[in-house]
């Protein structure tokens, strides 16, 4: 169940107060940077993919079919792992930043015009895009 606007504002105020009072503690409680972890996993998977290519080529040159098939399987699994790790990495917008800038009244009115549960995926994406453009984030 999503939070109401009033609850979201209270939560944002508490986050800002915590960050202002003890920024080191707030940063620690926010947790590790997920983008860095998932990108590290993707790089490791790319390295394993190269090893799989090496196994595939070794199997092809020596004529050992199980080694070649094993190399292909290693390549396939590492490519899948890299893609899923890269997709899971949150964008900078999704990482809980403490935004101190108040929302514009037009943005609040537009957000209240429809209940959050009835909006479709594309409408939410369009609204996020509009907010980025209005906020001057430059993306």
N, C-alpha and C. Protein backbone atom coordinates (compact mmCIF):
# COMPACT_ATOMS: atom_id res chain seq x y z
N UNK A 1 0.84 -1.17 0.00
CA UNK A 1 0.00 0.00 0.00
C UNK A 1 0.89 1.24 0.00
N UNK A 2 0.72 2.12 -0.96
CA UNK A 2 1.59 3.30 -1.05
C UNK A 2 1.29 4.29 0.07
N UNK A 3 2.29 5.09 0.40
CA UNK A 3 2.12 6.12 1.41
C UNK A 3 1.32 7.28 0.86
N UNK A 4 0.56 7.92 1.73
CA UNK A 4 -0.18 9.11 1.31
C UNK A 4 0.81 10.26 1.13
N UNK A 5 0.34 11.34 0.52
CA UNK A 5 1.21 12.50 0.31
C UNK A 5 1.71 13.06 1.63
N UNK A 6 0.82 13.10 2.62
CA UNK A 6 1.20 13.63 3.93
C UNK A 6 2.28 12.75 4.56
N UNK A 7 2.12 11.44 4.48
CA UNK A 7 3.12 10.51 5.04
C UNK A 7 4.44 10.62 4.30
N UNK A 8 4.40 10.78 2.98
CA UNK A 8 5.63 10.93 2.22
C UNK A 8 6.36 12.20 2.62
N UNK A 9 5.60 13.31 2.80
CA UNK A 9 6.24 14.56 3.22
C UNK A 9 6.86 14.42 4.59
N UNK A 10 6.16 13.76 5.52
CA UNK A 10 6.72 13.54 6.86
C UNK A 10 7.99 12.70 6.80
N UNK A 11 7.97 11.66 5.98
CA UNK A 11 9.15 10.80 5.84
C UNK A 11 10.32 11.59 5.26
N UNK A 12 10.06 12.41 4.24
CA UNK A 12 11.13 13.23 3.66
C UNK A 12 11.68 14.22 4.67
N UNK A 13 10.81 14.82 5.49
CA UNK A 13 11.26 15.75 6.52
C UNK A 13 12.14 15.03 7.55
N UNK A 14 11.73 13.84 7.95
CA UNK A 14 12.53 13.08 8.92
C UNK A 14 13.89 12.71 8.32
N UNK A 15 13.91 12.32 7.04
CA UNK A 15 15.18 11.98 6.40
C UNK A 15 16.10 13.20 6.35
N UNK A 16 15.54 14.35 5.96
CA UNK A 16 16.35 15.57 5.90
C UNK A 16 16.88 15.96 7.28
N UNK A 17 16.02 15.82 8.30
CA UNK A 17 16.46 16.15 9.66
C UNK A 17 17.56 15.21 10.11
N UNK A 18 17.42 13.93 9.83
CA UNK A 18 18.46 12.97 10.19
C UNK A 18 19.77 13.29 9.48
N UNK A 19 19.67 13.59 8.19
CA UNK A 19 20.88 13.90 7.43
C UNK A 19 21.54 15.17 7.93
N UNK A 20 20.74 16.18 8.30
CA UNK A 20 21.29 17.43 8.81
C UNK A 20 21.93 17.24 10.18
N UNK A 21 21.33 16.38 11.00
CA UNK A 21 21.83 16.16 12.35
C UNK A 21 23.09 15.32 12.36
N UNK A 22 23.10 14.23 11.61
CA UNK A 22 24.25 13.32 11.61
C UNK A 22 24.44 12.74 10.21
N UNK A 23 25.14 13.46 9.32
CA UNK A 23 25.26 12.97 7.94
C UNK A 23 26.02 11.65 7.82
N UNK A 24 27.00 11.43 8.68
CA UNK A 24 27.76 10.18 8.60
C UNK A 24 26.87 8.98 8.92
N UNK A 25 26.06 9.11 9.97
CA UNK A 25 25.14 8.04 10.35
C UNK A 25 24.10 7.81 9.24
N UNK A 26 23.57 8.90 8.69
CA UNK A 26 22.56 8.77 7.63
C UNK A 26 23.14 8.08 6.41
N UNK A 27 24.37 8.41 6.05
CA UNK A 27 25.01 7.77 4.91
C UNK A 27 25.25 6.29 5.19
N UNK A 28 25.64 5.96 6.42
CA UNK A 28 25.85 4.57 6.79
C UNK A 28 24.55 3.78 6.74
N UNK A 29 23.46 4.38 7.22
CA UNK A 29 22.18 3.69 7.23
C UNK A 29 21.58 3.54 5.84
N UNK A 30 21.95 4.41 4.94
CA UNK A 30 21.45 4.31 3.58
C UNK A 30 21.96 3.05 2.90
N UNK A 31 23.10 2.55 3.31
CA UNK A 31 23.60 1.29 2.76
C UNK A 31 24.64 1.51 1.67
N UNK A 32 25.13 0.42 1.15
CA UNK A 32 26.15 0.46 0.12
C UNK A 32 25.55 0.92 -1.20
N UNK A 33 26.40 1.41 -2.06
CA UNK A 33 25.96 1.85 -3.37
C UNK A 33 25.69 0.62 -4.23
N UNK A 34 24.42 0.38 -4.52
CA UNK A 34 24.04 -0.80 -5.27
C UNK A 34 24.55 -0.75 -6.70
N UNK A 35 24.62 0.46 -7.26
CA UNK A 35 25.12 0.56 -8.64
C UNK A 35 26.52 0.01 -8.75
N UNK A 36 27.36 0.34 -7.79
CA UNK A 36 28.75 -0.12 -7.83
C UNK A 36 28.81 -1.64 -7.72
N UNK A 37 27.99 -2.22 -6.84
CA UNK A 37 28.01 -3.67 -6.66
C UNK A 37 27.56 -4.40 -7.92
N UNK A 38 26.46 -3.94 -8.52
CA UNK A 38 25.97 -4.61 -9.72
C UNK A 38 26.90 -4.41 -10.91
N UNK A 39 27.52 -3.26 -11.01
CA UNK A 39 28.48 -3.05 -12.10
C UNK A 39 29.71 -3.93 -11.91
N UNK A 40 30.13 -4.10 -10.67
CA UNK A 40 31.26 -4.99 -10.39
C UNK A 40 30.92 -6.41 -10.80
N UNK A 41 29.68 -6.84 -10.53
CA UNK A 41 29.25 -8.17 -10.94
C UNK A 41 29.25 -8.30 -12.46
N UNK A 42 28.82 -7.26 -13.16
CA UNK A 42 28.79 -7.30 -14.62
C UNK A 42 30.20 -7.38 -15.18
N UNK A 43 31.14 -6.67 -14.58
CA UNK A 43 32.53 -6.74 -15.05
C UNK A 43 33.11 -8.13 -14.80
N UNK A 44 32.83 -8.71 -13.65
CA UNK A 44 33.30 -10.07 -13.36
C UNK A 44 32.71 -11.06 -14.35
N UNK A 45 31.43 -10.88 -14.68
CA UNK A 45 30.80 -11.78 -15.65
C UNK A 45 31.43 -11.60 -17.03
N UNK A 46 31.81 -10.39 -17.40
CA UNK A 46 32.47 -10.17 -18.69
C UNK A 46 33.83 -10.88 -18.72
N UNK A 47 34.55 -10.84 -17.61
CA UNK A 47 35.83 -11.54 -17.53
C UNK A 47 35.63 -13.05 -17.68
N UNK A 48 34.61 -13.59 -17.03
CA UNK A 48 34.32 -15.02 -17.14
C UNK A 48 33.87 -15.36 -18.57
N UNK A 49 33.18 -14.43 -19.23
CA UNK A 49 32.78 -14.63 -20.62
C UNK A 49 34.02 -14.81 -21.50
N UNK A 50 35.04 -13.99 -21.26
CA UNK A 50 36.29 -14.11 -22.03
C UNK A 50 36.94 -15.46 -21.76
N UNK A 51 36.90 -15.93 -20.51
CA UNK A 51 37.43 -17.26 -20.21
C UNK A 51 36.64 -18.34 -20.94
N UNK A 52 35.33 -18.16 -21.05
CA UNK A 52 34.50 -19.10 -21.80
C UNK A 52 34.88 -19.15 -23.27
N UNK A 53 35.19 -17.97 -23.83
CA UNK A 53 35.66 -17.93 -25.22
C UNK A 53 36.95 -18.72 -25.36
N UNK A 54 37.83 -18.55 -24.38
CA UNK A 54 39.09 -19.31 -24.39
C UNK A 54 38.85 -20.81 -24.34
N UNK A 55 37.93 -21.23 -23.50
CA UNK A 55 37.60 -22.67 -23.43
C UNK A 55 36.99 -23.15 -24.74
N UNK A 56 36.11 -22.36 -25.32
CA UNK A 56 35.49 -22.73 -26.59
C UNK A 56 36.54 -22.89 -27.69
N UNK A 57 37.45 -21.94 -27.77
CA UNK A 57 38.50 -22.01 -28.78
C UNK A 57 39.44 -23.18 -28.52
N UNK A 58 39.75 -23.43 -27.26
CA UNK A 58 40.61 -24.57 -26.92
C UNK A 58 39.94 -25.87 -27.34
N UNK A 59 38.65 -25.99 -27.06
CA UNK A 59 37.93 -27.20 -27.46
C UNK A 59 37.87 -27.35 -28.98
N UNK A 60 37.76 -26.22 -29.70
CA UNK A 60 37.70 -26.29 -31.17
C UNK A 60 39.05 -26.67 -31.75
N UNK A 61 40.13 -26.12 -31.20
CA UNK A 61 41.46 -26.39 -31.74
C UNK A 61 41.91 -27.81 -31.43
N UNK A 62 41.65 -28.28 -30.20
CA UNK A 62 42.10 -29.62 -29.83
C UNK A 62 41.13 -30.71 -30.28
N UNK A 63 39.93 -30.32 -30.67
CA UNK A 63 38.95 -31.31 -31.11
C UNK A 63 38.24 -32.00 -29.95
N UNK A 64 38.37 -31.44 -28.76
CA UNK A 64 37.71 -32.00 -27.58
C UNK A 64 36.33 -31.33 -27.46
N UNK A 65 35.31 -32.08 -27.82
CA UNK A 65 33.96 -31.52 -27.87
C UNK A 65 33.46 -31.10 -26.49
N UNK A 66 33.64 -31.88 -25.42
CA UNK A 66 33.14 -31.45 -24.11
C UNK A 66 33.74 -30.12 -23.63
N UNK A 67 35.01 -29.88 -23.95
CA UNK A 67 35.64 -28.61 -23.55
C UNK A 67 35.01 -27.44 -24.30
N UNK A 68 34.76 -27.64 -25.59
CA UNK A 68 34.12 -26.59 -26.39
C UNK A 68 32.70 -26.31 -25.93
N UNK A 69 31.96 -27.37 -25.65
CA UNK A 69 30.58 -27.19 -25.17
C UNK A 69 30.60 -26.54 -23.79
N UNK A 70 31.52 -26.94 -22.95
CA UNK A 70 31.64 -26.31 -21.63
C UNK A 70 31.98 -24.83 -21.74
N UNK A 71 32.85 -24.48 -22.67
CA UNK A 71 33.17 -23.06 -22.89
C UNK A 71 31.96 -22.28 -23.35
N UNK A 72 31.16 -22.89 -24.24
CA UNK A 72 29.95 -22.22 -24.72
C UNK A 72 28.96 -22.01 -23.59
N UNK A 73 28.80 -23.02 -22.73
CA UNK A 73 27.88 -22.90 -21.60
C UNK A 73 28.37 -21.82 -20.63
N UNK A 74 29.68 -21.77 -20.38
CA UNK A 74 30.24 -20.73 -19.51
C UNK A 74 29.97 -19.35 -20.10
N UNK A 75 30.14 -19.21 -21.42
CA UNK A 75 29.86 -17.94 -22.08
C UNK A 75 28.40 -17.56 -21.93
N UNK A 76 27.51 -18.49 -22.15
CA UNK A 76 26.08 -18.23 -22.08
C UNK A 76 25.65 -17.80 -20.68
N UNK A 77 26.11 -18.54 -19.67
CA UNK A 77 25.72 -18.23 -18.29
C UNK A 77 26.30 -16.89 -17.85
N UNK A 78 27.55 -16.62 -18.21
CA UNK A 78 28.15 -15.36 -17.79
C UNK A 78 27.50 -14.18 -18.51
N UNK A 79 27.09 -14.35 -19.75
CA UNK A 79 26.39 -13.27 -20.46
C UNK A 79 25.04 -13.00 -19.81
N UNK A 80 24.32 -14.04 -19.45
CA UNK A 80 23.05 -13.87 -18.77
C UNK A 80 23.25 -13.16 -17.42
N UNK A 81 24.26 -13.57 -16.68
CA UNK A 81 24.54 -12.96 -15.37
C UNK A 81 24.92 -11.49 -15.51
N UNK A 82 25.71 -11.16 -16.52
CA UNK A 82 26.10 -9.77 -16.74
C UNK A 82 24.90 -8.90 -17.09
N UNK A 83 24.04 -9.41 -17.95
CA UNK A 83 22.87 -8.62 -18.37
C UNK A 83 21.92 -8.43 -17.19
N UNK A 84 21.65 -9.46 -16.42
CA UNK A 84 20.74 -9.31 -15.29
C UNK A 84 21.34 -8.42 -14.21
N UNK A 85 22.65 -8.50 -14.00
CA UNK A 85 23.28 -7.61 -13.02
C UNK A 85 23.22 -6.17 -13.47
N UNK A 86 23.44 -5.93 -14.74
CA UNK A 86 23.43 -4.56 -15.25
C UNK A 86 22.02 -3.98 -15.19
N UNK A 87 21.02 -4.80 -15.47
CA UNK A 87 19.63 -4.31 -15.42
C UNK A 87 19.17 -4.04 -14.01
N UNK A 88 19.69 -4.77 -13.04
CA UNK A 88 19.27 -4.55 -11.65
C UNK A 88 19.87 -3.29 -11.06
N UNK A 89 20.93 -2.80 -11.63
CA UNK A 89 21.59 -1.62 -11.07
C UNK A 89 20.64 -0.44 -11.13
N UNK A 90 20.36 0.16 -9.99
CA UNK A 90 19.42 1.29 -9.99
C UNK A 90 20.05 2.52 -10.59
N UNK A 91 19.22 3.35 -11.16
CA UNK A 91 19.71 4.61 -11.70
C UNK A 91 19.95 5.58 -10.56
N UNK A 92 20.55 6.71 -10.88
CA UNK A 92 20.82 7.71 -9.85
C UNK A 92 19.53 8.24 -9.24
N UNK A 93 18.45 8.25 -9.99
CA UNK A 93 17.16 8.74 -9.47
C UNK A 93 16.57 7.78 -8.45
N UNK A 94 16.86 6.50 -8.59
CA UNK A 94 16.25 5.50 -7.71
C UNK A 94 17.00 5.33 -6.40
N UNK A 95 18.19 5.85 -6.31
CA UNK A 95 18.95 5.75 -5.09
C UNK A 95 18.41 6.80 -4.14
N UNK A 96 18.09 6.47 -2.94
CA UNK A 96 17.45 7.40 -2.02
C UNK A 96 18.29 8.61 -1.69
N UNK A 97 18.20 9.64 -2.47
CA UNK A 97 18.90 10.88 -2.17
C UNK A 97 18.00 11.78 -1.36
N UNK A 98 18.58 12.61 -0.56
CA UNK A 98 17.83 13.54 0.25
C UNK A 98 17.64 14.81 -0.55
N UNK A 99 16.51 14.94 -1.16
CA UNK A 99 16.22 16.10 -1.99
C UNK A 99 15.57 17.16 -1.13
N UNK A 100 16.24 18.30 -0.98
CA UNK A 100 15.71 19.36 -0.14
C UNK A 100 14.87 20.35 -0.92
N UNK A 101 14.85 20.25 -2.23
CA UNK A 101 14.08 21.19 -3.03
C UNK A 101 12.59 20.83 -2.96
N UNK A 102 11.74 21.82 -2.65
CA UNK A 102 10.31 21.50 -2.60
C UNK A 102 9.75 21.27 -3.99
N UNK A 103 8.72 20.48 -4.06
CA UNK A 103 8.08 20.21 -5.34
C UNK A 103 7.27 21.42 -5.78
N UNK A 104 7.13 21.56 -7.06
CA UNK A 104 6.32 22.66 -7.58
C UNK A 104 4.84 22.34 -7.38
N UNK A 105 3.99 23.36 -7.19
CA UNK A 105 2.57 23.09 -7.02
C UNK A 105 1.95 22.39 -8.22
N UNK A 106 2.44 22.71 -9.43
CA UNK A 106 1.90 22.06 -10.63
C UNK A 106 2.19 20.56 -10.59
N UNK A 107 3.35 20.18 -10.12
CA UNK A 107 3.70 18.76 -10.02
C UNK A 107 2.82 18.03 -9.03
N UNK A 108 2.49 18.70 -7.90
CA UNK A 108 1.62 18.08 -6.92
C UNK A 108 0.20 17.91 -7.46
N UNK A 109 -0.28 18.92 -8.17
CA UNK A 109 -1.63 18.83 -8.72
C UNK A 109 -1.72 17.71 -9.75
N UNK A 110 -0.70 17.60 -10.59
CA UNK A 110 -0.70 16.57 -11.61
C UNK A 110 -0.63 15.19 -10.96
N UNK A 111 0.14 15.05 -9.91
CA UNK A 111 0.27 13.76 -9.25
C UNK A 111 -1.03 13.37 -8.55
N UNK A 112 -1.81 14.37 -8.06
CA UNK A 112 -3.05 14.06 -7.36
C UNK A 112 -4.22 13.87 -8.30
N UNK A 113 -4.04 14.17 -9.57
CA UNK A 113 -5.17 14.10 -10.48
C UNK A 113 -5.68 12.68 -10.65
N UNK A 114 -4.84 11.69 -10.45
CA UNK A 114 -5.22 10.30 -10.57
C UNK A 114 -4.66 9.50 -9.43
N UNK A 115 -5.37 8.54 -8.93
CA UNK A 115 -4.79 7.70 -7.88
C UNK A 115 -3.60 6.91 -8.44
N UNK A 116 -2.61 6.68 -7.59
CA UNK A 116 -1.38 6.02 -8.03
C UNK A 116 -1.64 4.58 -8.48
N UNK A 117 -2.64 3.94 -7.95
CA UNK A 117 -2.86 2.53 -8.28
C UNK A 117 -3.45 2.35 -9.67
N UNK A 118 -4.14 3.38 -10.21
CA UNK A 118 -4.79 3.20 -11.51
C UNK A 118 -3.90 3.61 -12.68
N UNK A 119 -2.74 4.20 -12.40
CA UNK A 119 -1.86 4.63 -13.48
C UNK A 119 -1.11 3.44 -14.06
N UNK A 120 -0.92 3.50 -15.37
CA UNK A 120 -0.19 2.45 -16.03
C UNK A 120 1.31 2.71 -16.01
N UNK A 121 2.05 1.74 -16.47
CA UNK A 121 3.50 1.83 -16.48
C UNK A 121 3.97 3.01 -17.34
N UNK A 122 3.44 3.12 -18.54
CA UNK A 122 3.88 4.19 -19.45
C UNK A 122 3.54 5.57 -18.89
N UNK A 123 2.41 5.70 -18.23
CA UNK A 123 2.05 6.99 -17.65
C UNK A 123 3.01 7.38 -16.54
N UNK A 124 3.41 6.40 -15.73
CA UNK A 124 4.39 6.70 -14.68
C UNK A 124 5.72 7.10 -15.28
N UNK A 125 6.14 6.42 -16.34
CA UNK A 125 7.39 6.77 -16.99
C UNK A 125 7.32 8.18 -17.60
N UNK A 126 6.19 8.50 -18.23
CA UNK A 126 6.04 9.84 -18.80
C UNK A 126 6.06 10.91 -17.72
N UNK A 127 5.44 10.62 -16.59
CA UNK A 127 5.44 11.59 -15.50
C UNK A 127 6.85 11.79 -14.95
N UNK A 128 7.59 10.70 -14.80
CA UNK A 128 8.98 10.83 -14.36
C UNK A 128 9.80 11.65 -15.35
N UNK A 129 9.58 11.42 -16.62
CA UNK A 129 10.31 12.17 -17.65
C UNK A 129 9.97 13.66 -17.55
N UNK A 130 8.68 13.97 -17.38
CA UNK A 130 8.26 15.38 -17.25
C UNK A 130 8.89 16.01 -16.03
N UNK A 131 8.93 15.29 -14.90
CA UNK A 131 9.54 15.84 -13.70
C UNK A 131 11.03 16.10 -13.88
N UNK A 132 11.71 15.21 -14.59
CA UNK A 132 13.14 15.43 -14.85
C UNK A 132 13.35 16.67 -15.69
N UNK A 133 12.53 16.79 -16.73
CA UNK A 133 12.67 17.94 -17.63
C UNK A 133 12.35 19.26 -16.90
N UNK A 134 11.33 19.25 -16.05
CA UNK A 134 10.94 20.45 -15.31
C UNK A 134 11.97 20.79 -14.24
N UNK A 135 12.56 19.76 -13.66
CA UNK A 135 13.53 19.97 -12.60
C UNK A 135 14.88 20.41 -13.10
N UNK A 136 15.09 20.38 -14.41
CA UNK A 136 16.36 20.82 -14.98
C UNK A 136 17.52 19.88 -14.72
N UNK A 137 17.24 18.59 -14.60
CA UNK A 137 18.31 17.64 -14.33
C UNK A 137 19.17 17.39 -15.56
N UNK A 138 18.68 17.72 -16.73
CA UNK A 138 19.49 17.64 -17.95
C UNK A 138 19.63 16.27 -18.53
N UNK A 139 18.89 15.30 -18.08
CA UNK A 139 19.00 13.95 -18.65
C UNK A 139 18.11 13.83 -19.76
